[in-house]
N, C-alpha and C. Protein backbone atom coordinates (compact mmCIF):
# COMPACT_ATOMS: atom_id res chain seq x y z
N TYR A 1 27.27 18.10 12.86
CA TYR A 1 27.49 17.48 14.14
C TYR A 1 26.14 17.46 14.90
N HIS A 2 25.46 18.58 14.93
CA HIS A 2 24.23 18.67 15.70
C HIS A 2 23.20 17.68 15.26
N ILE A 3 23.12 17.49 13.92
CA ILE A 3 22.08 16.59 13.41
C ILE A 3 22.51 15.11 13.57
N MET A 4 23.69 14.79 13.12
CA MET A 4 24.11 13.34 13.11
C MET A 4 24.50 12.83 14.52
N ARG A 5 25.06 13.67 15.34
CA ARG A 5 25.49 13.20 16.69
C ARG A 5 24.54 13.54 17.82
N GLU A 6 23.80 14.66 17.69
CA GLU A 6 22.90 15.13 18.72
C GLU A 6 21.42 14.97 18.36
N ALA A 7 21.15 14.23 17.25
CA ALA A 7 19.80 13.96 16.74
C ALA A 7 18.99 15.18 16.48
N GLY A 8 19.63 16.25 15.95
CA GLY A 8 18.92 17.48 15.63
C GLY A 8 18.19 17.26 14.30
N THR A 9 17.53 18.34 13.88
CA THR A 9 16.73 18.40 12.65
C THR A 9 17.03 19.64 11.90
N GLU A 10 17.30 19.47 10.61
CA GLU A 10 17.54 20.68 9.76
C GLU A 10 16.22 21.38 9.53
N ILE A 11 16.31 22.64 9.17
CA ILE A 11 15.15 23.47 8.92
C ILE A 11 14.42 22.89 7.65
N PRO A 12 13.12 22.68 7.63
CA PRO A 12 12.47 22.17 6.48
C PRO A 12 12.64 23.05 5.26
N PHE A 13 12.65 22.44 4.11
CA PHE A 13 12.79 23.07 2.79
C PHE A 13 14.14 23.76 2.54
N THR A 14 15.12 23.42 3.36
CA THR A 14 16.46 24.02 3.17
C THR A 14 17.50 23.02 2.65
N GLY A 15 17.21 21.73 2.75
CA GLY A 15 18.18 20.69 2.37
C GLY A 15 18.27 20.59 0.83
N GLU A 16 19.53 20.51 0.35
CA GLU A 16 19.76 20.44 -1.07
C GLU A 16 19.20 19.13 -1.68
N LEU A 17 19.11 18.02 -0.90
CA LEU A 17 18.63 16.77 -1.46
C LEU A 17 17.10 16.71 -1.51
N ASN A 18 16.40 17.65 -0.95
CA ASN A 18 14.98 17.64 -0.93
C ASN A 18 14.42 17.68 -2.37
N HIS A 19 15.12 18.42 -3.26
CA HIS A 19 14.64 18.56 -4.64
C HIS A 19 15.46 17.72 -5.63
N GLU A 20 16.26 16.86 -5.17
CA GLU A 20 17.06 15.94 -6.06
C GLU A 20 16.10 15.02 -6.74
N LYS A 21 16.15 14.95 -8.10
CA LYS A 21 15.22 14.11 -8.84
C LYS A 21 15.94 13.11 -9.79
N ARG A 22 17.28 13.14 -9.87
CA ARG A 22 17.96 12.29 -10.77
C ARG A 22 17.98 10.85 -10.19
N PRO A 23 18.09 9.84 -11.12
CA PRO A 23 18.27 8.49 -10.62
C PRO A 23 19.62 8.32 -9.98
N GLY A 24 19.65 7.64 -8.86
CA GLY A 24 20.90 7.39 -8.15
C GLY A 24 20.73 6.84 -6.81
N THR A 25 21.78 6.93 -5.99
CA THR A 25 21.83 6.29 -4.67
C THR A 25 22.21 7.35 -3.64
N TYR A 26 21.54 7.30 -2.53
CA TYR A 26 21.80 8.16 -1.36
C TYR A 26 22.61 7.39 -0.35
N TYR A 27 23.72 8.01 0.11
CA TYR A 27 24.63 7.39 1.05
C TYR A 27 24.65 8.14 2.36
N SER A 28 24.90 7.43 3.41
CA SER A 28 25.03 8.11 4.73
C SER A 28 26.45 8.65 4.86
N TYR A 29 26.56 9.89 5.34
CA TYR A 29 27.88 10.46 5.62
C TYR A 29 28.55 9.74 6.76
N GLY A 30 27.81 9.25 7.73
CA GLY A 30 28.36 8.60 8.92
C GLY A 30 29.11 7.30 8.60
N CYS A 31 28.56 6.47 7.70
CA CYS A 31 29.15 5.19 7.41
C CYS A 31 29.73 5.12 5.96
N ASP A 32 29.32 6.03 5.14
CA ASP A 32 29.74 6.00 3.71
C ASP A 32 29.18 4.75 3.04
N LYS A 33 27.93 4.41 3.42
CA LYS A 33 27.26 3.22 2.87
C LYS A 33 25.90 3.61 2.24
N PRO A 34 25.49 2.86 1.19
CA PRO A 34 24.18 3.21 0.52
C PRO A 34 23.04 2.93 1.52
N ILE A 35 22.04 3.89 1.51
CA ILE A 35 20.93 3.75 2.44
C ILE A 35 19.52 3.82 1.67
N PHE A 36 19.50 4.59 0.59
CA PHE A 36 18.24 4.72 -0.16
C PHE A 36 18.52 4.80 -1.65
N ARG A 37 17.55 4.41 -2.46
CA ARG A 37 17.64 4.57 -3.92
C ARG A 37 16.58 5.59 -4.33
N SER A 38 16.86 6.28 -5.41
CA SER A 38 15.98 7.32 -5.92
C SER A 38 14.57 6.85 -6.26
N GLU A 39 14.46 5.56 -6.65
CA GLU A 39 13.15 4.98 -6.98
C GLU A 39 12.21 4.99 -5.74
N ALA A 40 12.74 4.97 -4.58
CA ALA A 40 11.91 4.93 -3.33
C ALA A 40 11.66 6.39 -2.82
N LYS A 41 12.22 7.39 -3.50
CA LYS A 41 12.01 8.77 -3.05
C LYS A 41 10.74 9.31 -3.56
N TYR A 42 10.05 10.14 -2.77
CA TYR A 42 8.85 10.80 -3.17
C TYR A 42 8.71 12.18 -2.46
N ASP A 43 7.88 13.05 -3.00
CA ASP A 43 7.67 14.34 -2.43
C ASP A 43 6.56 14.26 -1.40
N SER A 44 6.93 14.30 -0.12
CA SER A 44 5.98 14.17 0.96
C SER A 44 5.35 15.53 1.32
N GLY A 45 5.90 16.60 0.75
CA GLY A 45 5.42 17.91 1.11
C GLY A 45 5.85 18.42 2.46
N THR A 46 6.68 17.60 3.14
CA THR A 46 7.12 18.02 4.50
C THR A 46 8.33 18.95 4.56
N GLY A 47 9.09 18.99 3.42
CA GLY A 47 10.30 19.82 3.40
C GLY A 47 11.59 19.03 3.67
N TRP A 48 11.50 17.74 3.81
CA TRP A 48 12.62 16.87 3.97
C TRP A 48 12.62 15.76 2.93
N PRO A 49 13.76 15.29 2.49
CA PRO A 49 13.76 14.16 1.57
C PRO A 49 13.05 12.97 2.20
N SER A 50 12.16 12.36 1.48
CA SER A 50 11.33 11.27 2.03
C SER A 50 11.43 10.05 1.07
N PHE A 51 11.45 8.89 1.72
CA PHE A 51 11.58 7.65 0.97
C PHE A 51 10.55 6.65 1.63
N TYR A 52 10.06 5.72 0.77
CA TYR A 52 9.14 4.73 1.35
C TYR A 52 9.81 3.44 1.81
N GLU A 53 11.10 3.29 1.49
CA GLU A 53 11.83 2.11 1.98
C GLU A 53 13.38 2.35 1.82
N PRO A 54 14.16 1.76 2.70
CA PRO A 54 15.63 1.81 2.49
C PRO A 54 16.05 0.89 1.28
N ILE A 55 17.27 1.05 0.92
CA ILE A 55 17.82 0.29 -0.19
C ILE A 55 17.79 -1.24 0.07
N LYS A 56 17.99 -1.63 1.33
CA LYS A 56 17.79 -2.98 1.79
C LYS A 56 17.42 -2.94 3.27
N PRO A 57 16.69 -3.90 3.77
CA PRO A 57 16.20 -3.83 5.13
C PRO A 57 17.24 -3.54 6.22
N ASP A 58 18.43 -4.03 6.07
CA ASP A 58 19.44 -3.77 7.10
C ASP A 58 20.36 -2.57 6.79
N ALA A 59 20.01 -1.72 5.91
CA ALA A 59 20.77 -0.52 5.55
C ALA A 59 20.67 0.55 6.61
N VAL A 60 19.57 0.50 7.36
CA VAL A 60 19.32 1.48 8.46
C VAL A 60 18.99 0.73 9.69
N VAL A 61 19.09 1.44 10.86
CA VAL A 61 18.72 0.86 12.14
C VAL A 61 17.62 1.71 12.72
N LEU A 62 16.52 1.10 13.16
CA LEU A 62 15.45 1.85 13.81
C LEU A 62 15.55 1.82 15.27
N HIS A 63 15.32 2.97 15.91
CA HIS A 63 15.48 3.09 17.34
C HIS A 63 14.28 3.81 17.92
N GLN A 64 13.53 3.14 18.79
CA GLN A 64 12.34 3.73 19.36
C GLN A 64 12.76 4.80 20.42
N GLU A 65 12.37 6.04 20.20
CA GLU A 65 12.66 7.11 21.18
C GLU A 65 11.67 7.08 22.26
N SER A 66 11.99 7.51 23.45
CA SER A 66 11.06 7.52 24.57
C SER A 66 10.80 8.98 24.94
N GLY A 67 9.71 9.19 25.63
CA GLY A 67 9.29 10.53 26.07
C GLY A 67 7.86 10.76 25.67
N LEU A 68 7.43 12.01 25.80
CA LEU A 68 6.03 12.35 25.52
C LEU A 68 5.71 12.14 24.03
N ASP A 69 6.58 12.49 23.15
CA ASP A 69 6.33 12.33 21.70
C ASP A 69 7.16 11.25 21.18
N THR A 70 6.70 9.98 21.35
CA THR A 70 7.51 8.84 20.92
C THR A 70 7.55 8.76 19.46
N ARG A 71 8.73 8.65 18.90
CA ARG A 71 8.93 8.55 17.46
C ARG A 71 9.94 7.44 17.23
N THR A 72 10.06 7.01 15.97
CA THR A 72 11.07 6.01 15.69
C THR A 72 12.17 6.76 14.88
N GLU A 73 13.36 6.72 15.50
CA GLU A 73 14.54 7.35 14.92
C GLU A 73 15.15 6.40 13.93
N VAL A 74 15.67 6.98 12.80
CA VAL A 74 16.40 6.21 11.82
C VAL A 74 17.88 6.58 11.93
N ARG A 75 18.70 5.52 12.12
CA ARG A 75 20.11 5.71 12.22
C ARG A 75 20.82 4.90 11.10
N ASP A 76 22.02 5.34 10.76
CA ASP A 76 22.78 4.50 9.86
C ASP A 76 23.42 3.38 10.68
N THR A 77 24.05 2.41 10.08
CA THR A 77 24.60 1.27 10.83
C THR A 77 25.76 1.62 11.69
N CYS A 78 26.28 2.85 11.58
CA CYS A 78 27.35 3.35 12.48
C CYS A 78 26.84 4.15 13.59
N GLY A 79 25.50 4.31 13.71
CA GLY A 79 24.92 5.02 14.84
C GLY A 79 24.59 6.50 14.61
N SER A 80 24.82 7.04 13.42
CA SER A 80 24.51 8.43 13.13
C SER A 80 23.03 8.64 12.91
N HIS A 81 22.49 9.72 13.47
CA HIS A 81 21.10 10.08 13.31
C HIS A 81 20.87 10.57 11.87
N LEU A 82 19.84 9.97 11.23
CA LEU A 82 19.49 10.35 9.82
C LEU A 82 18.18 11.09 9.82
N GLY A 83 17.20 10.73 10.63
CA GLY A 83 15.85 11.31 10.64
C GLY A 83 14.94 10.36 11.39
N HIS A 84 13.67 10.34 10.94
CA HIS A 84 12.64 9.55 11.61
C HIS A 84 11.81 8.81 10.54
N VAL A 85 11.11 7.76 10.96
CA VAL A 85 10.24 7.04 10.10
C VAL A 85 8.79 7.07 10.67
N PHE A 86 7.83 7.34 9.76
CA PHE A 86 6.45 7.48 10.21
C PHE A 86 5.60 6.54 9.39
N ASP A 87 4.35 6.25 9.88
CA ASP A 87 3.45 5.34 9.21
C ASP A 87 2.43 6.02 8.32
N ASP A 88 2.82 7.11 7.66
CA ASP A 88 1.93 7.89 6.81
C ASP A 88 2.44 8.00 5.39
N GLY A 89 3.19 7.06 4.93
CA GLY A 89 3.76 7.13 3.63
C GLY A 89 2.95 6.37 2.55
N PRO A 90 3.40 6.44 1.38
CA PRO A 90 2.62 5.80 0.23
C PRO A 90 2.85 4.31 0.16
N GLU A 91 2.07 3.68 -0.66
CA GLU A 91 2.25 2.24 -0.94
C GLU A 91 3.57 2.11 -1.71
N PRO A 92 4.26 1.07 -1.66
CA PRO A 92 3.79 -0.29 -1.18
C PRO A 92 4.06 -0.47 0.29
N THR A 93 4.76 0.42 1.00
CA THR A 93 5.11 0.13 2.44
C THR A 93 4.26 0.88 3.43
N GLY A 94 3.72 2.06 3.04
CA GLY A 94 3.02 2.94 3.99
C GLY A 94 3.93 3.67 4.90
N LYS A 95 5.23 3.65 4.64
CA LYS A 95 6.20 4.29 5.48
C LYS A 95 6.71 5.61 4.88
N ARG A 96 7.10 6.55 5.74
CA ARG A 96 7.74 7.77 5.31
C ARG A 96 9.02 7.90 6.10
N TYR A 97 10.15 7.59 5.44
CA TYR A 97 11.46 7.78 6.01
C TYR A 97 11.80 9.26 5.74
N CYS A 98 11.69 10.09 6.75
CA CYS A 98 11.85 11.54 6.61
C CYS A 98 13.30 11.84 7.05
N MET A 99 14.16 12.11 6.09
CA MET A 99 15.58 12.24 6.35
C MET A 99 16.14 13.66 6.32
N ASN A 100 17.23 13.91 6.97
CA ASN A 100 17.95 15.19 6.94
C ASN A 100 18.94 15.14 5.77
N SER A 101 18.86 16.13 4.91
CA SER A 101 19.78 16.13 3.73
C SER A 101 21.25 16.20 4.15
N VAL A 102 21.53 16.89 5.20
CA VAL A 102 22.94 17.03 5.64
C VAL A 102 23.57 15.70 6.18
N ALA A 103 22.72 14.70 6.42
CA ALA A 103 23.26 13.42 6.88
C ALA A 103 23.55 12.43 5.75
N MET A 104 23.25 12.91 4.49
CA MET A 104 23.36 12.05 3.34
C MET A 104 24.08 12.77 2.22
N TYR A 105 24.62 11.96 1.25
CA TYR A 105 25.07 12.53 0.00
C TYR A 105 24.51 11.67 -1.11
N PHE A 106 24.45 12.26 -2.30
CA PHE A 106 23.82 11.61 -3.45
C PHE A 106 24.83 11.31 -4.52
N VAL A 107 24.78 10.11 -5.08
CA VAL A 107 25.63 9.76 -6.23
C VAL A 107 24.72 9.34 -7.40
N PRO A 108 24.69 10.20 -8.45
CA PRO A 108 23.84 9.86 -9.58
C PRO A 108 24.28 8.58 -10.31
N ASP A 109 23.35 7.92 -10.92
CA ASP A 109 23.69 6.74 -11.74
C ASP A 109 24.50 7.17 -12.92
N LYS A 110 25.41 6.31 -13.37
CA LYS A 110 26.17 6.58 -14.59
C LYS A 110 25.24 6.32 -15.79
N GLU A 111 25.40 7.25 -16.72
CA GLU A 111 24.56 7.14 -17.93
C GLU A 111 25.21 6.27 -18.97
């Protein structure tokens, strides 16, 4: 609740999806919709699952936060807080979608 509804942040390096390496799809708990693919996941070293792009452009909603430390919040299409996006990611996008594990679940590809 704290993370998805109050825009909290989980403690880094504690989320179970941070170390997930199998091929598959990440879904938002809030909408039960796909938001990221494993091919776009990378180890950012930050302690949170990081992706360089969503599964499709309209899979997430970006919201500019206001205040002293302006950041861009990432929400699912139902309005649940997922994390933030930063401009320090790898090619091809240069983006780092830094997500909270507890806001997502992972479905591995069928073999």
